[in-house]
């Protein structure tokens, strides 16, 4: 499962698909996940607050391909914060639809007071809960974690979602987690820092 997909499942209730976060925080976290996928695939580099495309070859995933095309098509806009804000506006639906195509969630619409609300309800609760279960188990073992998992944990920390993973764990696990996040390569660490700053700014500004 891709990085943003796992973030999506952790950020939503594994029974009914209800969001666990402020809407802006969810969108920004997912936007960071999408940029993280391209970063891990070596299609982009991050440094000095900017995003730079270094490989224009289309990724296998259709959504990643779309995001890369957007980055290529706007060479004058390189700020990480700008791209987090831009991608965050549509990231919930973009990643939700990717999970729906994979059969992991089911798109449902409800209409109340002339307003339509979309929920991505998990098809199977065990599948939806798996990212949290897997991360919690991995942290409990004294083994190295894949870089992708550590970046996911850093994005969960940036959006105040670590509680979902750390629930019921002992202080030693929490200490190990923070050591792992502190050891991220600089580009991944910078992505997480900008995500945390963007989430904080959005909440202070009262964005929905």
C-alpha atoms as a PDB file:
ATOM      1  CA  UNK A   1       0.000   0.000   0.000  1.00  0.00           C
ATOM      2  CA  UNK A   2       1.328   3.430  -0.926  1.00  0.00           C
ATOM      3  CA  UNK A   3       2.346   6.073   1.615  1.00  0.00           C
ATOM      4  CA  UNK A   4      -0.626   8.420   1.187  1.00  0.00           C
ATOM      5  CA  UNK A   5      -3.048   5.465   1.183  1.00  0.00           C
ATOM      6  CA  UNK A   6      -1.846   4.348   4.607  1.00  0.00           C
ATOM      7  CA  UNK A   7      -2.022   7.892   5.936  1.00  0.00           C
ATOM      8  CA  UNK A   8      -5.606   8.120   4.639  1.00  0.00           C
ATOM      9  CA  UNK A   9      -6.668   4.942   6.442  1.00  0.00           C
ATOM     10  CA  UNK A  10      -5.064   6.043   9.708  1.00  0.00           C
ATOM     11  CA  UNK A  11      -6.666   9.486   9.408  1.00  0.00           C
ATOM     12  CA  UNK A  12     -10.151   7.981   9.103  1.00  0.00           C
ATOM     13  CA  UNK A  13     -12.177   5.750  11.370  1.00  0.00           C
ATOM     14  CA  UNK A  14     -11.693   2.122  10.356  1.00  0.00           C
ATOM     15  CA  UNK A  15     -15.399   1.294  10.728  1.00  0.00           C
ATOM     16  CA  UNK A  16     -17.318   4.141   9.101  1.00  0.00           C
ATOM     17  CA  UNK A  17     -14.603   6.182   7.436  1.00  0.00           C
ATOM     18  CA  UNK A  18     -15.200   9.310   9.484  1.00  0.00           C
ATOM     19  CA  UNK A  19     -12.240  11.725   9.659  1.00  0.00           C
ATOM     20  CA  UNK A  20     -10.189  11.784  12.844  1.00  0.00           C
ATOM     21  CA  UNK A  21      -8.599  15.129  12.031  1.00  0.00           C
ATOM     22  CA  UNK A  22      -9.418  18.720  11.211  1.00  0.00           C
ATOM     23  CA  UNK A  23     -10.156  18.776   7.451  1.00  0.00           C
ATOM     24  CA  UNK A  24      -7.178  20.987   6.619  1.00  0.00           C
ATOM     25  CA  UNK A  25      -4.806  18.763   8.581  1.00  0.00           C
ATOM     26  CA  UNK A  26      -6.066  15.700   6.728  1.00  0.00           C
ATOM     27  CA  UNK A  27      -5.603  17.346   3.346  1.00  0.00           C
ATOM     28  CA  UNK A  28      -2.132  18.651   4.168  1.00  0.00           C
ATOM     29  CA  UNK A  29      -1.014  15.294   5.545  1.00  0.00           C
ATOM     30  CA  UNK A  30      -2.223  13.547   2.410  1.00  0.00           C
ATOM     31  CA  UNK A  31      -0.566  16.163   0.213  1.00  0.00           C
ATOM     32  CA  UNK A  32       2.698  15.489   2.041  1.00  0.00           C
ATOM     33  CA  UNK A  33       2.147  11.780   1.504  1.00  0.00           C
ATOM     34  CA  UNK A  34       1.771  12.309  -2.245  1.00  0.00           C
ATOM     35  CA  UNK A  35       4.943  14.401  -2.382  1.00  0.00           C
ATOM     36  CA  UNK A  36       6.648  11.774  -0.222  1.00  0.00           C
ATOM     37  CA  UNK A  37       5.775   9.074  -2.731  1.00  0.00           C
ATOM     38  CA  UNK A  38       7.504  11.041  -5.497  1.00  0.00           C
ATOM     39  CA  UNK A  39      10.442  11.814  -3.212  1.00  0.00           C
ATOM     40  CA  UNK A  40      10.938   8.144  -2.329  1.00  0.00           C
ATOM     41  CA  UNK A  41      10.642   7.251  -6.029  1.00  0.00           C
ATOM     42  CA  UNK A  42      13.411   9.794  -6.786  1.00  0.00           C
ATOM     43  CA  UNK A  43      11.205  11.833  -9.109  1.00  0.00           C
ATOM     44  CA  UNK A  44      11.640  14.998  -7.016  1.00  0.00           C
ATOM     45  CA  UNK A  45      14.090  16.426  -4.517  1.00  0.00           C
ATOM     46  CA  UNK A  46      13.320  18.714  -1.580  1.00  0.00           C
ATOM     47  CA  UNK A  47      15.681  21.225  -0.036  1.00  0.00           C
ATOM     48  CA  UNK A  48      15.734  24.839   1.106  1.00  0.00           C
ATOM     49  CA  UNK A  49      11.946  24.974   1.214  1.00  0.00           C
ATOM     50  CA  UNK A  50      11.543  24.064  -2.452  1.00  0.00           C
ATOM     51  CA  UNK A  51      10.461  21.106  -4.579  1.00  0.00           C
ATOM     52  CA  UNK A  52      12.416  20.303  -7.749  1.00  0.00           C
ATOM     53  CA  UNK A  53      11.540  17.691 -10.369  1.00  0.00           C
ATOM     54  CA  UNK A  54      14.631  15.648 -11.267  1.00  0.00           C
ATOM     55  CA  UNK A  55      13.066  12.769 -13.199  1.00  0.00           C
ATOM     56  CA  UNK A  56      10.053  13.271 -15.472  1.00  0.00           C
ATOM     57  CA  UNK A  57       9.466   9.595 -16.203  1.00  0.00           C
ATOM     58  CA  UNK A  58       5.841   8.794 -15.311  1.00  0.00           C
ATOM     59  CA  UNK A  59       5.399   6.663 -12.173  1.00  0.00           C
ATOM     60  CA  UNK A  60       3.384   3.466 -12.430  1.00  0.00           C
ATOM     61  CA  UNK A  61       0.618   4.835 -10.209  1.00  0.00           C
ATOM     62  CA  UNK A  62      -1.891   7.075 -12.012  1.00  0.00           C
ATOM     63  CA  UNK A  63      -2.301   9.559  -9.152  1.00  0.00           C
ATOM     64  CA  UNK A  64       1.462   9.895  -8.661  1.00  0.00           C
ATOM     65  CA  UNK A  65       1.717  10.479 -12.417  1.00  0.00           C
ATOM     66  CA  UNK A  66      -0.889  13.261 -12.180  1.00  0.00           C
ATOM     67  CA  UNK A  67       0.908  14.963  -9.289  1.00  0.00           C
ATOM     68  CA  UNK A  68       4.240  14.782 -11.119  1.00  0.00           C
ATOM     69  CA  UNK A  69       2.645  16.312 -14.234  1.00  0.00           C
ATOM     70  CA  UNK A  70       1.300  19.157 -12.096  1.00  0.00           C
ATOM     71  CA  UNK A  71       4.762  19.829 -10.693  1.00  0.00           C
ATOM     72  CA  UNK A  72       6.316  19.739 -14.176  1.00  0.00           C
ATOM     73  CA  UNK A  73       3.620  22.022 -15.537  1.00  0.00           C
ATOM     74  CA  UNK A  74       4.246  24.751 -12.936  1.00  0.00           C
ATOM     75  CA  UNK A  75       8.027  25.220 -12.879  1.00  0.00           C
ATOM     76  CA  UNK A  76       7.648  28.724 -11.469  1.00  0.00           C
ATOM     77  CA  UNK A  77       6.030  27.400  -8.301  1.00  0.00           C
ATOM     78  CA  UNK A  78       8.527  25.433  -6.234  1.00  0.00           C
ATOM     79  CA  UNK A  79       7.664  26.254  -2.621  1.00  0.00           C
ATOM     80  CA  UNK A  80       6.896  23.178  -0.527  1.00  0.00           C
ATOM     81  CA  UNK A  81       4.220  25.093   1.375  1.00  0.00           C
ATOM     82  CA  UNK A  82       2.564  26.183  -1.886  1.00  0.00           C
ATOM     83  CA  UNK A  83       2.353  22.612  -3.119  1.00  0.00           C
ATOM     84  CA  UNK A  84       1.124  21.300   0.210  1.00  0.00           C
ATOM     85  CA  UNK A  85      -1.689  23.860   0.150  1.00  0.00           C
ATOM     86  CA  UNK A  86      -2.539  23.229  -3.500  1.00  0.00           C
ATOM     87  CA  UNK A  87      -2.520  19.431  -3.343  1.00  0.00           C
ATOM     88  CA  UNK A  88      -4.234  19.494   0.051  1.00  0.00           C
ATOM     89  CA  UNK A  89      -7.367  21.022  -1.479  1.00  0.00           C
ATOM     90  CA  UNK A  90      -8.157  17.832  -3.389  1.00  0.00           C
ATOM     91  CA  UNK A  91      -6.022  15.184  -1.688  1.00  0.00           C
ATOM     92  CA  UNK A  92      -8.835  13.558   0.321  1.00  0.00           C
ATOM     93  CA  UNK A  93     -10.858  12.836  -2.812  1.00  0.00           C
ATOM     94  CA  UNK A  94      -7.789  11.973  -4.921  1.00  0.00           C
ATOM     95  CA  UNK A  95      -6.445   9.412  -2.462  1.00  0.00           C
ATOM     96  CA  UNK A  96      -9.940   8.252  -1.498  1.00  0.00           C
ATOM     97  CA  UNK A  97     -10.715   7.511  -5.151  1.00  0.00           C
ATOM     98  CA  UNK A  98      -7.411   5.646  -5.519  1.00  0.00           C
ATOM     99  CA  UNK A  99      -8.354   3.459  -2.555  1.00  0.00           C
ATOM    100  CA  UNK A 100     -11.839   3.007  -3.997  1.00  0.00           C
ATOM    101  CA  UNK A 101     -10.372   1.792  -7.286  1.00  0.00           C
ATOM    102  CA  UNK A 102      -8.275  -0.686  -5.312  1.00  0.00           C
ATOM    103  CA  UNK A 103     -11.400  -1.960  -3.539  1.00  0.00           C
ATOM    104  CA  UNK A 104     -10.198  -0.844  -0.097  1.00  0.00           C
ATOM    105  CA  UNK A 105     -12.956   1.721   0.497  1.00  0.00           C
ATOM    106  CA  UNK A 106     -16.395   2.449  -0.920  1.00  0.00           C
ATOM    107  CA  UNK A 107     -17.425   5.987  -1.857  1.00  0.00           C
ATOM    108  CA  UNK A 108     -20.718   7.024  -0.261  1.00  0.00           C
ATOM    109  CA  UNK A 109     -22.613  10.291  -0.582  1.00  0.00           C
ATOM    110  CA  UNK A 110     -25.113  11.723   1.877  1.00  0.00           C
ATOM    111  CA  UNK A 111     -27.187  14.841   1.260  1.00  0.00           C
ATOM    112  CA  UNK A 112     -28.435  17.031   4.095  1.00  0.00           C
ATOM    113  CA  UNK A 113     -29.662  20.619   4.015  1.00  0.00           C
ATOM    114  CA  UNK A 114     -28.738  20.976   0.335  1.00  0.00           C
ATOM    115  CA  UNK A 115     -25.177  19.893   1.101  1.00  0.00           C
ATOM    116  CA  UNK A 116     -23.553  16.701  -0.179  1.00  0.00           C
ATOM    117  CA  UNK A 117     -21.018  14.952   2.042  1.00  0.00           C
ATOM    118  CA  UNK A 118     -18.716  12.234   0.732  1.00  0.00           C
ATOM    119  CA  UNK A 119     -17.429   9.473   2.987  1.00  0.00           C
ATOM    120  CA  UNK A 120     -15.014   6.723   1.974  1.00  0.00           C
ATOM    121  CA  UNK A 121     -16.247   3.807   4.039  1.00  0.00           C
ATOM    122  CA  UNK A 122     -13.794   0.896   4.509  1.00  0.00           C
ATOM    123  CA  UNK A 123     -14.847  -2.304   2.787  1.00  0.00           C
ATOM    124  CA  UNK A 124     -13.096  -4.388   5.447  1.00  0.00           C
ATOM    125  CA  UNK A 125     -12.297  -3.128   8.951  1.00  0.00           C
ATOM    126  CA  UNK A 126      -9.231  -5.340   9.316  1.00  0.00           C
ATOM    127  CA  UNK A 127      -7.712  -3.967   6.117  1.00  0.00           C
ATOM    128  CA  UNK A 128      -8.442  -0.401   7.217  1.00  0.00           C
ATOM    129  CA  UNK A 129      -6.850  -1.001  10.622  1.00  0.00           C
ATOM    130  CA  UNK A 130      -3.809  -2.787   9.213  1.00  0.00           C
ATOM    131  CA  UNK A 131      -1.494   0.275   8.841  1.00  0.00           C
ATOM    132  CA  UNK A 132      -1.831   1.104  12.550  1.00  0.00           C
ATOM    133  CA  UNK A 133      -1.490  -2.549  13.574  1.00  0.00           C
ATOM    134  CA  UNK A 134       1.587  -2.992  11.393  1.00  0.00           C
ATOM    135  CA  UNK A 135       3.335   0.169  12.585  1.00  0.00           C
ATOM    136  CA  UNK A 136       2.614  -0.572  16.250  1.00  0.00           C
ATOM    137  CA  UNK A 137       4.032  -4.083  15.890  1.00  0.00           C
ATOM    138  CA  UNK A 138       7.101  -2.838  14.012  1.00  0.00           C
ATOM    139  CA  UNK A 139       7.880  -0.257  16.681  1.00  0.00           C
ATOM    140  CA  UNK A 140       7.641  -2.942  19.350  1.00  0.00           C
ATOM    141  CA  UNK A 141      10.455  -4.892  17.723  1.00  0.00           C
ATOM    142  CA  UNK A 142      14.060  -3.743  17.945  1.00  0.00           C
ATOM    143  CA  UNK A 143      14.508  -3.867  14.177  1.00  0.00           C
ATOM    144  CA  UNK A 144      15.191  -1.183  11.574  1.00  0.00           C
ATOM    145  CA  UNK A 145      12.091   0.234   9.881  1.00  0.00           C
ATOM    146  CA  UNK A 146      11.881   0.989   6.155  1.00  0.00           C
ATOM    147  CA  UNK A 147      12.388   4.658   5.362  1.00  0.00           C
ATOM    148  CA  UNK A 148       8.842   4.858   3.988  1.00  0.00           C
ATOM    149  CA  UNK A 149       7.437   3.743   7.346  1.00  0.00           C
ATOM    150  CA  UNK A 150       9.519   6.277   9.258  1.00  0.00           C
ATOM    151  CA  UNK A 151       8.324   9.044   6.924  1.00  0.00           C
ATOM    152  CA  UNK A 152       4.733   7.928   7.509  1.00  0.00           C
ATOM    153  CA  UNK A 153       5.314   8.120  11.266  1.00  0.00           C
ATOM    154  CA  UNK A 154       6.815  11.597  10.856  1.00  0.00           C
ATOM    155  CA  UNK A 155       3.745  12.756   8.930  1.00  0.00           C
ATOM    156  CA  UNK A 156       1.489  11.275  11.597  1.00  0.00           C
ATOM    157  CA  UNK A 157       3.457  13.262  14.182  1.00  0.00           C
ATOM    158  CA  UNK A 158       3.167  16.412  12.061  1.00  0.00           C
ATOM    159  CA  UNK A 159      -0.624  16.098  11.969  1.00  0.00           C
ATOM    160  CA  UNK A 160      -1.151  14.949  15.563  1.00  0.00           C
ATOM    161  CA  UNK A 161      -2.116  11.399  14.608  1.00  0.00           C
ATOM    162  CA  UNK A 162       0.625   9.513  16.433  1.00  0.00           C
ATOM    163  CA  UNK A 163      -1.834   8.765  19.238  1.00  0.00           C
ATOM    164  CA  UNK A 164      -3.454   6.185  16.948  1.00  0.00           C
ATOM    165  CA  UNK A 165      -0.178   4.264  16.709  1.00  0.00           C
ATOM    166  CA  UNK A 166       1.120   4.824  20.237  1.00  0.00           C
ATOM    167  CA  UNK A 167      -2.086   3.895  22.068  1.00  0.00           C
ATOM    168  CA  UNK A 168      -1.294   1.196  24.625  1.00  0.00           C
ATOM    169  CA  UNK A 169       2.471   1.205  24.001  1.00  0.00           C
ATOM    170  CA  UNK A 170       5.138   1.742  26.651  1.00  0.00           C
ATOM    171  CA  UNK A 171       7.469   4.777  26.921  1.00  0.00           C
ATOM    172  CA  UNK A 172      10.312   2.801  25.355  1.00  0.00           C
ATOM    173  CA  UNK A 173       8.369   2.524  22.110  1.00  0.00           C
ATOM    174  CA  UNK A 174       7.698   6.246  22.107  1.00  0.00           C
ATOM    175  CA  UNK A 175      11.384   6.991  22.638  1.00  0.00           C
ATOM    176  CA  UNK A 176      12.363   4.649  19.806  1.00  0.00           C
ATOM    177  CA  UNK A 177       9.828   6.319  17.504  1.00  0.00           C
ATOM    178  CA  UNK A 178      11.244   9.787  18.099  1.00  0.00           C
ATOM    179  CA  UNK A 179      14.774   8.506  17.528  1.00  0.00           C
ATOM    180  CA  UNK A 180      13.690   7.044  14.203  1.00  0.00           C
ATOM    181  CA  UNK A 181      12.035  10.286  13.116  1.00  0.00           C
ATOM    182  CA  UNK A 182      15.102  12.301  14.168  1.00  0.00           C
ATOM    183  CA  UNK A 183      17.213  10.034  11.937  1.00  0.00           C
ATOM    184  CA  UNK A 184      15.276  10.692   8.731  1.00  0.00           C
ATOM    185  CA  UNK A 185      17.309  11.924   5.741  1.00  0.00           C
ATOM    186  CA  UNK A 186      17.176  15.743   5.480  1.00  0.00           C
ATOM    187  CA  UNK A 187      14.736  15.938   2.507  1.00  0.00           C
ATOM    188  CA  UNK A 188      12.187  13.728   4.260  1.00  0.00           C
ATOM    189  CA  UNK A 189      12.668  15.522   7.558  1.00  0.00           C
ATOM    190  CA  UNK A 190      12.140  18.866   5.818  1.00  0.00           C
ATOM    191  CA  UNK A 191       8.899  17.635   4.229  1.00  0.00           C
ATOM    192  CA  UNK A 192       7.606  16.615   7.666  1.00  0.00           C
ATOM    193  CA  UNK A 193       8.626  19.952   9.233  1.00  0.00           C
ATOM    194  CA  UNK A 194       6.866  21.971   6.540  1.00  0.00           C
ATOM    195  CA  UNK A 195       3.792  19.790   6.909  1.00  0.00           C
ATOM    196  CA  UNK A 196       3.665  20.418  10.656  1.00  0.00           C
ATOM    197  CA  UNK A 197       4.078  24.164  10.122  1.00  0.00           C
ATOM    198  CA  UNK A 198       1.362  24.237   7.458  1.00  0.00           C
ATOM    199  CA  UNK A 199      -1.058  22.312   9.679  1.00  0.00           C
ATOM    200  CA  UNK A 200      -0.426  24.669  12.582  1.00  0.00           C
ATOM    201  CA  UNK A 201      -0.952  27.740  10.382  1.00  0.00           C
ATOM    202  CA  UNK A 202      -4.175  26.340   8.912  1.00  0.00           C
ATOM    203  CA  UNK A 203      -5.662  25.609  12.318  1.00  0.00           C
ATOM    204  CA  UNK A 204      -4.678  29.029  13.720  1.00  0.00           C
ATOM    205  CA  UNK A 205      -6.246  30.676  10.679  1.00  0.00           C
ATOM    206  CA  UNK A 206      -9.447  28.750  11.292  1.00  0.00           C
ATOM    207  CA  UNK A 207      -9.481  27.084   7.894  1.00  0.00           C
ATOM    208  CA  UNK A 208     -12.186  24.408   7.537  1.00  0.00           C
END
